[in-house]
C-alpha atoms as a PDB file:
ATOM      1  CA  MET A   1       0.000   0.000   0.000  1.00  0.00           C
ATOM      2  CA  PRO A   2       1.559   3.368  -0.960  1.00  0.00           C
ATOM      3  CA  SER A   3       2.095   5.755   1.900  1.00  0.00           C
ATOM      4  CA  ILE A   4       0.580   9.196   1.909  1.00  0.00           C
ATOM      5  CA  GLN A   5       3.446  11.649   1.959  1.00  0.00           C
ATOM      6  CA  GLY A   6       3.311  15.383   1.575  1.00  0.00           C
ATOM      7  CA  PRO A   7       5.812  18.171   1.962  1.00  0.00           C
ATOM      8  CA  GLN A   8       7.472  18.274   5.337  1.00  0.00           C
ATOM      9  CA  PRO A   9       5.968  21.342   7.085  1.00  0.00           C
ATOM     10  CA  THR A  10       8.027  23.452   9.432  1.00  0.00           C
ATOM     11  CA  LEU A  11       7.004  26.224  11.763  1.00  0.00           C
ATOM     12  CA  ASP A  12       7.184  29.348   9.655  1.00  0.00           C
ATOM     13  CA  LEU A  13       8.913  31.828  11.931  1.00  0.00           C
ATOM     14  CA  SER A  14       9.109  34.360   9.120  1.00  0.00           C
ATOM     15  CA  LEU A  15       5.297  34.491   9.166  1.00  0.00           C
ATOM     16  CA  LEU A  16       5.353  35.409  12.847  1.00  0.00           C
ATOM     17  CA  GLN A  17       8.089  37.983  12.273  1.00  0.00           C
ATOM     18  CA  ARG A  18       6.114  39.603   9.450  1.00  0.00           C
ATOM     19  CA  LEU A  19       3.040  39.793  11.688  1.00  0.00           C
ATOM     20  CA  GLN A  20       5.078  41.484  14.417  1.00  0.00           C
ATOM     21  CA  THR A  21       6.746  44.100  12.222  1.00  0.00           C
ATOM     22  CA  ARG A  22       4.859  47.342  12.032  1.00  0.00           C
ATOM     23  CA  PRO A  23       4.997  49.838   9.197  1.00  0.00           C
ATOM     24  CA  SER A  24       6.859  53.032   9.976  1.00  0.00           C
ATOM     25  CA  VAL A  25       4.987  56.293  10.510  1.00  0.00           C
ATOM     26  CA  GLY A  26       3.294  57.432   7.322  1.00  0.00           C
ATOM     27  CA  GLU A  27       3.758  54.083   5.599  1.00  0.00           C
ATOM     28  CA  GLN A  28       0.527  52.288   4.753  1.00  0.00           C
ATOM     29  CA  PRO A  29       0.543  48.484   4.640  1.00  0.00           C
ATOM     30  CA  ALA A  30      -0.705  46.843   1.454  1.00  0.00           C
ATOM     31  CA  ALA A  31      -4.429  46.090   1.583  1.00  0.00           C
ATOM     32  CA  GLY A  32      -4.096  42.388   0.797  1.00  0.00           C
ATOM     33  CA  GLU A  33      -0.956  41.792   2.851  1.00  0.00           C
ATOM     34  CA  PHE A  34      -2.787  40.965   6.094  1.00  0.00           C
ATOM     35  CA  ALA A  35      -5.209  38.659   4.310  1.00  0.00           C
ATOM     36  CA  GLU A  36      -2.271  36.907   2.628  1.00  0.00           C
ATOM     37  CA  LEU A  37      -0.557  36.407   5.990  1.00  0.00           C
ATOM     38  CA  LEU A  38      -3.703  34.884   7.460  1.00  0.00           C
ATOM     39  CA  THR A  39      -4.142  32.628   4.449  1.00  0.00           C
ATOM     40  CA  GLU A  40      -0.516  31.478   4.701  1.00  0.00           C
ATOM     41  CA  GLY A  41      -1.011  30.724   8.379  1.00  0.00           C
ATOM     42  CA  VAL A  42      -4.167  28.691   7.820  1.00  0.00           C
ATOM     43  CA  LEU A  43      -2.546  26.747   4.973  1.00  0.00           C
ATOM     44  CA  SER A  44       0.518  26.067   7.119  1.00  0.00           C
ATOM     45  CA  VAL A  45      -1.617  24.726   9.982  1.00  0.00           C
ATOM     46  CA  ASN A  46      -3.605  22.602   7.535  1.00  0.00           C
ATOM     47  CA  SER A  47      -0.389  21.177   6.101  1.00  0.00           C
ATOM     48  CA  MET A  48       0.876  20.297   9.575  1.00  0.00           C
ATOM     49  CA  GLN A  49      -2.399  18.543  10.403  1.00  0.00           C
ATOM     50  CA  GLN A  50      -2.299  16.555   7.163  1.00  0.00           C
ATOM     51  CA  ASP A  51       1.320  15.577   7.855  1.00  0.00           C
ATOM     52  CA  ALA A  52       0.382  14.387  11.354  1.00  0.00           C
ATOM     53  CA  ASP A  53      -2.547  12.378   9.941  1.00  0.00           C
ATOM     54  CA  ALA A  54      -0.265  10.778   7.349  1.00  0.00           C
ATOM     55  CA  LYS A  55       2.294   9.826  10.004  1.00  0.00           C
ATOM     56  CA  ILE A  56      -0.431   8.303  12.193  1.00  0.00           C
ATOM     57  CA  HIS A  57      -1.705   6.344   9.199  1.00  0.00           C
ATOM     58  CA  ASP A  58       1.827   5.139   8.400  1.00  0.00           C
ATOM     59  CA  LEU A  59       2.402   4.057  11.993  1.00  0.00           C
ATOM     60  CA  LEU A  60      -0.877   2.132  12.176  1.00  0.00           C
ATOM     61  CA  THR A  61      -0.356   0.409   8.819  1.00  0.00           C
ATOM     62  CA  GLY A  62       3.210  -0.670   9.565  1.00  0.00           C
ATOM     63  CA  GLY A  63       5.026   2.052   7.674  1.00  0.00           C
ATOM     64  CA  GLU A  64       8.570   3.038   8.469  1.00  0.00           C
ATOM     65  CA  VAL A  65       7.894   5.827  10.917  1.00  0.00           C
ATOM     66  CA  SER A  66       8.865   5.945  14.569  1.00  0.00           C
ATOM     67  CA  GLN A  67       6.537   6.728  17.422  1.00  0.00           C
ATOM     68  CA  VAL A  68       8.649   9.778  18.268  1.00  0.00           C
ATOM     69  CA  GLU A  69       8.123  11.214  14.778  1.00  0.00           C
ATOM     70  CA  VAL A  70       4.375  10.689  15.078  1.00  0.00           C
ATOM     71  CA  ILE A  71       4.158  12.290  18.515  1.00  0.00           C
ATOM     72  CA  THR A  72       6.280  15.243  17.387  1.00  0.00           C
ATOM     73  CA  ALA A  73       4.144  15.803  14.273  1.00  0.00           C
ATOM     74  CA  VAL A  74       0.914  15.618  16.283  1.00  0.00           C
ATOM     75  CA  GLN A  75       2.224  18.041  18.918  1.00  0.00           C
ATOM     76  CA  LYS A  76       3.419  20.500  16.247  1.00  0.00           C
ATOM     77  CA  ALA A  77       0.017  20.394  14.562  1.00  0.00           C
ATOM     78  CA  ASP A  78      -1.755  20.832  17.892  1.00  0.00           C
ATOM     79  CA  MET A  79       0.391  23.802  18.900  1.00  0.00           C
ATOM     80  CA  ALA A  80      -0.046  25.468  15.507  1.00  0.00           C
ATOM     81  CA  PHE A  81      -3.822  24.969  15.666  1.00  0.00           C
ATOM     82  CA  ARG A  82      -4.015  26.399  19.176  1.00  0.00           C
ATOM     83  CA  MET A  83      -2.033  29.451  18.020  1.00  0.00           C
ATOM     84  CA  LEU A  84      -4.396  29.878  15.057  1.00  0.00           C
ATOM     85  CA  VAL A  85      -7.401  29.754  17.393  1.00  0.00           C
ATOM     86  CA  GLN A  86      -5.807  32.413  19.625  1.00  0.00           C
ATOM     87  CA  VAL A  87      -5.185  34.663  16.595  1.00  0.00           C
ATOM     88  CA  ARG A  88      -8.841  34.229  15.646  1.00  0.00           C
ATOM     89  CA  ASN A  89      -9.925  35.070  19.195  1.00  0.00           C
ATOM     90  CA  LYS A  90      -7.811  38.248  19.208  1.00  0.00           C
ATOM     91  CA  LEU A  91      -9.205  39.297  15.831  1.00  0.00           C
ATOM     92  CA  LEU A  92     -12.774  38.769  17.040  1.00  0.00           C
ATOM     93  CA  ALA A  93     -12.084  40.740  20.218  1.00  0.00           C
ATOM     94  CA  ALA A  94     -10.606  43.595  18.172  1.00  0.00           C
ATOM     95  CA  TYR A  95     -13.598  43.562  15.823  1.00  0.00           C
ATOM     96  CA  GLU A  96     -16.048  43.629  18.729  1.00  0.00           C
ATOM     97  CA  GLU A  97     -14.154  46.503  20.323  1.00  0.00           C
ATOM     98  CA  ILE A  98     -14.126  48.511  17.102  1.00  0.00           C
ATOM     99  CA  ASN A  99     -17.769  47.677  16.484  1.00  0.00           C
ATOM    100  CA  GLY A 100     -18.677  48.965  19.954  1.00  0.00           C
ATOM    101  CA  ILE A 101     -17.179  52.414  19.359  1.00  0.00           C
ATOM    102  CA  ARG A 102     -19.917  55.048  19.063  1.00  0.00           C
ATOM    103  CA  VAL A 103     -19.296  57.766  16.527  1.00  0.00           C
END
């Protein structure tokens, strides 16, 4: 049975660094840049989850993958998903705060 293998995902620290950098005074960020960063983040988390699922499948079907690799992949996917949920929560809180401002 062929194993399901995809690209090996890594934590994209450059994505976090780009989120943390702020434009200088007077400089306007590109309109689609934030949306692109969010899309990259979601795709990265999805890739990590698919990689973890593939490693679990390989382990259960007798593939050549160690238990340590499986546990590491699952923990990476879990941590990335939890971070994504926290980003979503912060965005919702910011939206609710902005929405509550009376003009």
